Amino acid sequence: MHELSIAYNIVNIATKAAQEAGAEQISAVHVRIGALSGVVADALRFSFAIAAEGTPLANAELIIEEVPVVVFCPECRAEVTLPNPRLFRCPSCHRPCGQIVHGRELELVALETP
């Protein structure tokens, strides 16, 4: 369960950012997780509560935006969202697509204060 180490890293980064901003408490943390990131959202939520204990993030809500896999289709010359991240084929022309545009993200995007 590597989500616990990821949660500790999120808490450390967010705590440092809160200190730099002069915030004593954080009420919400927004993260983006790509479908190919290898992170399980429910496991990260569970781990975040443990990692945040005793920090300015204690009782903060972890808000996760799950990002689908988006690839560039050279045949259609367009970015397309894959309905199944295991099949790297364009849903329109069914040609193989290997250029990943989105889906690998693991980003801390915003913090909210009370």
Foldseek 3Di string as FASTA:
>chain_A
DCLLVVLLVQLVVVLVVCVVVVAQAFAEWEKEAFQPQPDDVVVNQVSNQVNCPPGSDHNHYYHYHYHFWWFQDPVVRDIAGDPDVVQQAHPPPRHHTDGTDDGNGTGGDDIHGD
